[in-house]
Amino acid sequence: MKSEICLPIWQVDAFSSEVFGGNPAAVVALAGAWLADELMQAIAAENNLSETAFVRLGIDPVPLRWFTPACEVPLCGHATLATVAVMHKVLGLVDTGAVVEISTASGILRVSVGPTNYVLDFPARQTVATCTTKAQLEAVLGCEIREVWKSVDRYVCLLDSEAEVRRVQLDIGKSSSLDLPGIIATARGSDCDFVSRYFAPGKGVQEDPVTGTSHCTLAPFWAQRLGKTTFRAKQLSHRGGEIECSIVGDRVLLTGECKVYLQGSITVPNIA
């Protein structure tokens, strides 16, 4: 008979001040070493949220990893926000006014803890030209595209209007032929600086509700077009979310709130 372990877990709605909004992330706390990669991946698949964060408590800087239902990713905004919210609001491990240093595959990240919100200090991601044509991506998104770029692991598609972004309908079958796993659709906003939607079928996430890493790309992308460095952005998913973005040198500051929705425990096989 296999041995089992019990682990604390929370589900947090990130980039939202209320439950049922923003982007839900699971946070699993570990008292010791990392679990086996296959076990963390299985837990993320079972949770079936866009991200599950695994955090090792009692270490400084705080080790953190993120898994989608299909793979591990090197950077995630909303699950980082959720992790610090758990440490702050639930466990009382960090105080208001503190800056939490987090050790990740993308280097040291910093999160400033405010009375009601959190500020992520993340690396800016630039856009470059891509060989993928507008026609290819128009077939996937079902709309006309003005410009196509790429940034790290996702395409950036500039559309004519907020209404066009809202009307996007992803063709998952056609998306499988693309070289990159993610697609951002973006345009000027009607009551904010810019809007976006993010699709990551190549990572097991058809559409992500609110995406911090996309805004690491969108902030410098729109800075070049709007001639400013501070933005109010909206992600137009079904749940929706708002992010305040600022560019400081080669970093992007992302500000948002969190609401803890669920707390409990999971029982899983003890895979070495």
Protein backbone atom coordinates (compact mmCIF):
# COMPACT_ATOMS: atom_id res chain seq x y z
CA MET A 1 0.00 0.00 0.00
CA LYS A 2 1.37 3.39 -1.03
CA SER A 3 1.95 5.98 1.68
CA GLU A 4 0.14 9.28 1.41
CA ILE A 5 0.85 12.85 2.40
CA CYS A 6 -1.51 15.65 3.35
CA LEU A 7 -0.73 19.17 2.14
CA PRO A 8 -2.42 22.52 2.81
CA ILE A 9 -3.99 24.18 -0.21
CA TRP A 10 -5.70 27.49 -0.94
CA GLN A 11 -7.56 28.83 -3.95
CA VAL A 12 -7.22 32.56 -4.43
CA ASP A 13 -8.91 34.89 -6.91
CA ALA A 14 -6.01 37.10 -8.03
CA PHE A 15 -6.27 40.52 -9.66
CA SER A 16 -9.70 40.88 -8.04
CA SER A 17 -11.09 42.46 -4.88
CA GLU A 18 -13.99 39.99 -4.75
CA VAL A 19 -14.48 36.25 -5.10
CA PHE A 20 -15.62 34.96 -8.50
CA GLY A 21 -13.52 37.62 -10.25
CA GLY A 22 -9.98 37.81 -11.57
CA ASN A 23 -7.90 34.69 -12.10
CA PRO A 24 -8.17 31.75 -9.68
CA ALA A 25 -4.89 30.11 -8.67
CA ALA A 26 -4.17 27.23 -6.32
CA VAL A 27 -1.37 27.56 -3.77
CA VAL A 28 0.14 24.42 -2.22
CA ALA A 29 2.50 24.93 0.73
CA LEU A 30 5.46 22.60 1.31
CA ALA A 31 7.28 22.37 4.63
CA GLY A 32 10.34 20.66 3.16
CA ALA A 33 11.82 19.76 -0.22
CA TRP A 34 10.03 19.91 -3.55
CA LEU A 35 7.65 17.11 -4.38
CA ALA A 36 8.50 14.95 -7.38
CA ASP A 37 7.88 16.89 -10.60
CA GLU A 38 5.38 14.28 -11.78
CA LEU A 39 3.38 14.65 -8.56
CA MET A 40 3.28 18.45 -8.78
CA GLN A 41 2.15 18.15 -12.40
CA ALA A 42 -0.54 15.65 -11.43
CA ILE A 43 -1.81 17.95 -8.66
CA ALA A 44 -1.99 20.87 -11.13
CA ALA A 45 -3.86 18.72 -13.62
CA GLU A 46 -6.29 17.61 -10.90
CA ASN A 47 -6.88 21.22 -9.80
CA ASN A 48 -7.52 22.13 -13.45
CA LEU A 49 -6.85 25.83 -12.89
CA SER A 50 -4.63 27.84 -15.20
CA GLU A 51 -1.87 27.72 -12.54
CA THR A 52 -1.04 25.88 -9.35
CA ALA A 53 1.80 27.40 -7.32
CA PHE A 54 4.04 25.32 -5.07
CA VAL A 55 5.83 27.29 -2.36
CA ARG A 56 8.45 26.16 0.15
CA LEU A 57 7.86 28.09 3.36
CA GLY A 58 10.50 29.07 5.91
CA ILE A 59 13.20 29.85 3.32
CA ASP A 60 14.42 33.30 2.24
CA PRO A 61 14.16 34.09 -0.64
CA VAL A 62 10.96 32.06 -0.96
CA PRO A 63 11.25 29.21 -3.51
CA LEU A 64 8.26 29.13 -5.87
CA ARG A 65 7.27 27.05 -8.90
CA TRP A 66 4.20 27.16 -11.15
CA PHE A 67 2.39 24.44 -13.10
CA THR A 68 -0.46 24.64 -15.61
CA PRO A 69 -2.61 21.53 -16.08
CA ALA A 70 -0.15 20.49 -18.82
CA CYS A 71 3.33 21.79 -17.98
CA GLU A 72 5.63 23.79 -15.69
CA VAL A 73 6.11 27.45 -16.67
CA PRO A 74 9.05 29.77 -15.90
CA LEU A 75 7.00 32.82 -14.92
CA CYS A 76 3.47 33.46 -13.63
CA GLY A 77 1.98 36.66 -12.27
CA HIS A 78 -1.39 35.83 -10.77
CA ALA A 79 -0.20 32.69 -8.93
CA THR A 80 2.69 34.70 -7.46
CA LEU A 81 0.21 37.30 -6.29
CA ALA A 82 -1.94 34.52 -4.80
CA THR A 83 1.03 32.97 -2.98
CA VAL A 84 2.03 36.22 -1.30
CA ALA A 85 -1.60 36.90 -0.40
CA VAL A 86 -1.74 33.54 1.41
CA MET A 87 1.51 34.29 3.24
CA HIS A 88 0.20 37.74 4.19
CA LYS A 89 -3.54 37.34 4.81
CA VAL A 90 -3.82 33.73 5.95
CA LEU A 91 -0.52 32.61 7.46
CA GLY A 92 0.70 35.98 8.78
CA LEU A 93 4.25 35.30 7.59
CA VAL A 94 4.73 38.75 6.04
CA ASP A 95 3.62 42.17 7.25
CA THR A 96 1.95 45.02 5.41
CA GLY A 97 4.71 47.19 3.96
CA ALA A 98 7.10 44.28 3.49
CA VAL A 99 8.84 43.36 0.23
CA VAL A 100 8.88 39.59 -0.30
CA GLU A 101 11.77 38.15 -2.32
CA ILE A 102 10.89 35.04 -4.31
CA SER A 103 13.32 32.62 -5.95
CA THR A 104 12.05 31.33 -9.31
CA ALA A 105 13.17 29.97 -12.68
CA SER A 106 13.07 33.60 -13.87
CA GLY A 107 15.38 34.82 -11.12
CA ILE A 108 14.55 36.78 -7.98
CA LEU A 109 11.13 38.41 -8.10
CA ARG A 110 9.90 40.96 -5.56
CA VAL A 111 6.39 41.57 -4.32
CA SER A 112 5.50 44.65 -2.28
CA VAL A 113 2.72 44.07 0.25
CA GLY A 114 0.20 46.89 0.61
CA PRO A 115 -2.82 47.19 2.91
CA THR A 116 -5.20 45.92 0.21
CA ASN A 117 -3.09 45.25 -2.87
CA TYR A 118 0.21 43.78 -4.02
CA VAL A 119 2.81 45.04 -6.49
CA LEU A 120 4.72 42.51 -8.58
CA ASP A 121 8.20 43.54 -9.79
CA PHE A 122 8.67 41.44 -12.94
CA PRO A 123 11.04 41.54 -15.95
CA ALA A 124 9.81 43.44 -19.01
CA ARG A 125 9.35 41.31 -22.11
CA GLN A 126 9.98 42.90 -25.50
CA THR A 127 8.26 42.09 -28.79
CA VAL A 128 10.16 41.12 -31.93
CA ALA A 129 9.25 40.25 -35.51
CA THR A 130 7.86 36.80 -36.29
CA CYS A 131 7.77 34.60 -39.38
CA THR A 132 4.21 33.55 -38.53
CA THR A 133 1.89 35.43 -40.88
CA LYS A 134 -1.20 37.44 -40.12
CA ALA A 135 -3.19 34.99 -42.24
CA GLN A 136 -2.16 32.07 -40.05
CA LEU A 137 -3.18 33.83 -36.85
CA GLU A 138 -6.34 35.31 -38.38
CA ALA A 139 -7.47 31.75 -39.10
CA VAL A 140 -6.85 30.82 -35.45
CA LEU A 141 -8.53 33.90 -33.92
CA GLY A 142 -11.30 34.31 -36.50
CA CYS A 143 -10.69 38.03 -37.02
CA GLU A 144 -8.62 40.54 -38.97
CA ILE A 145 -5.28 41.49 -37.41
CA ARG A 146 -3.44 44.77 -37.92
CA GLU A 147 0.03 43.69 -36.69
CA VAL A 148 1.68 40.44 -35.55
CA TRP A 149 4.65 40.19 -33.19
CA LYS A 150 6.07 37.60 -30.80
CA SER A 151 7.35 37.78 -27.24
CA VAL A 152 9.05 34.83 -25.52
CA ASP A 153 6.36 32.12 -25.71
CA ARG A 154 3.39 33.97 -27.18
CA TYR A 155 2.24 35.94 -30.21
CA VAL A 156 1.02 39.51 -29.86
CA CYS A 157 -1.80 40.36 -32.25
CA LEU A 158 -2.83 44.02 -32.51
CA LEU A 159 -6.50 44.40 -33.43
CA ASP A 160 -8.43 47.48 -34.54
CA SER A 161 -10.71 47.89 -31.51
CA GLU A 162 -11.84 46.66 -28.14
CA ALA A 163 -14.95 45.27 -29.83
CA GLU A 164 -12.76 43.13 -32.10
CA VAL A 165 -10.89 41.74 -29.08
CA ARG A 166 -14.21 40.82 -27.45
CA ARG A 167 -15.35 39.01 -30.61
CA VAL A 168 -12.29 36.75 -30.91
CA GLN A 169 -13.19 33.05 -31.11
CA LEU A 170 -10.21 30.75 -30.81
CA ASP A 171 -10.02 27.74 -33.14
CA ILE A 172 -8.15 25.23 -30.96
CA GLY A 173 -7.64 22.81 -33.82
CA LYS A 174 -5.91 25.39 -35.98
CA SER A 175 -3.85 26.69 -33.04
CA SER A 176 -2.00 23.35 -32.84
CA SER A 177 -0.07 24.26 -35.99
CA LEU A 178 1.50 27.36 -34.42
CA ASP A 179 5.10 27.41 -33.21
CA LEU A 180 4.33 29.20 -29.93
CA PRO A 181 1.85 27.99 -27.28
CA GLY A 182 0.23 31.35 -26.47
CA ILE A 183 -1.58 34.21 -28.25
CA ILE A 184 -2.37 37.71 -26.98
CA ALA A 185 -5.09 39.73 -28.74
CA THR A 186 -4.92 43.42 -27.80
CA ALA A 187 -6.29 46.85 -28.76
CA ARG A 188 -6.81 50.35 -27.38
CA GLY A 189 -9.43 50.39 -24.64
CA SER A 190 -12.62 52.45 -24.62
CA ASP A 191 -12.32 53.35 -20.92
CA CYS A 192 -8.74 52.28 -20.18
CA ASP A 193 -5.38 52.43 -21.95
CA PHE A 194 -5.54 48.98 -23.52
CA VAL A 195 -7.43 45.71 -23.37
CA SER A 196 -6.37 42.15 -24.07
CA ARG A 197 -7.27 38.47 -24.05
CA TYR A 198 -4.78 35.63 -23.69
CA PHE A 199 -5.10 32.10 -25.06
CA ALA A 200 -2.61 29.34 -24.21
CA PRO A 201 -3.95 26.07 -25.66
CA GLY A 202 -0.38 24.80 -26.01
CA LYS A 203 -0.11 24.94 -22.20
CA GLY A 204 -3.47 23.34 -21.52
CA VAL A 205 -5.23 26.69 -20.92
CA GLN A 206 -7.82 27.59 -23.55
CA GLU A 207 -8.24 31.16 -22.23
CA ASP A 208 -6.60 32.62 -19.15
CA PRO A 209 -8.82 35.00 -17.15
CA VAL A 210 -6.15 37.58 -16.11
CA THR A 211 -2.50 37.17 -17.06
CA GLY A 212 0.37 38.96 -15.31
CA THR A 213 3.05 37.70 -17.70
CA SER A 214 1.16 39.01 -20.74
CA HIS A 215 1.25 42.47 -19.21
CA CYS A 216 5.04 42.19 -18.91
CA THR A 217 4.87 42.26 -22.71
CA LEU A 218 1.89 44.56 -23.17
CA ALA A 219 3.23 47.39 -21.01
CA PRO A 220 6.36 47.99 -23.16
CA PHE A 221 4.35 47.21 -26.33
CA TRP A 222 1.84 49.95 -25.60
CA ALA A 223 4.50 52.31 -24.21
CA GLN A 224 5.94 52.53 -27.72
CA ARG A 225 2.51 53.38 -29.15
CA LEU A 226 1.10 55.66 -26.46
CA GLY A 227 4.28 57.41 -25.32
CA LYS A 228 3.64 56.80 -21.62
CA THR A 229 4.90 54.44 -18.91
CA THR A 230 1.89 53.99 -16.63
CA PHE A 231 -1.26 52.22 -17.76
CA ARG A 232 -4.64 51.01 -16.63
CA ALA A 233 -5.40 47.76 -18.44
CA LYS A 234 -8.32 45.36 -18.64
CA GLN A 235 -8.36 41.70 -19.62
CA LEU A 236 -11.64 40.88 -21.34
CA SER A 237 -12.12 37.27 -20.32
CA HIS A 238 -15.45 35.96 -19.01
CA ARG A 239 -14.31 36.61 -15.41
CA GLY A 240 -12.44 39.79 -16.33
CA GLY A 241 -9.80 41.68 -14.41
CA GLU A 242 -7.96 44.98 -14.12
CA ILE A 243 -4.22 45.52 -13.80
CA GLU A 244 -2.30 48.71 -13.16
CA CYS A 245 1.02 48.58 -15.02
CA SER A 246 4.13 50.76 -14.77
CA ILE A 247 7.46 50.50 -16.55
CA VAL A 248 10.58 51.21 -14.48
CA GLY A 249 13.75 50.62 -16.50
CA ASP A 250 13.74 47.01 -17.65
CA ARG A 251 11.06 46.02 -15.12
CA VAL A 252 7.27 46.08 -15.15
CA LEU A 253 5.31 46.73 -11.96
CA LEU A 254 1.90 45.04 -11.87
CA THR A 255 -0.59 46.00 -9.16
CA GLY A 256 -3.62 44.00 -8.11
CA GLU A 257 -5.73 42.72 -5.24
CA CYS A 258 -6.52 39.17 -4.10
CA LYS A 259 -9.42 37.41 -2.41
CA VAL A 260 -9.00 34.02 -0.73
CA TYR A 261 -11.86 31.75 -1.84
CA LEU A 262 -10.99 28.30 -0.46
CA GLN A 263 -8.66 26.76 2.09
CA GLY A 264 -8.24 23.12 3.00
CA SER A 265 -5.97 20.18 2.36
CA ILE A 266 -5.22 17.58 -0.29
CA THR A 267 -4.18 13.95 0.19
CA VAL A 268 -1.86 12.60 -2.50
CA PRO A 269 0.51 9.63 -2.98
CA ASN A 270 3.96 10.13 -1.48
CA ILE A 271 5.96 9.82 -4.71
CA ALA A 272 9.70 10.11 -4.04
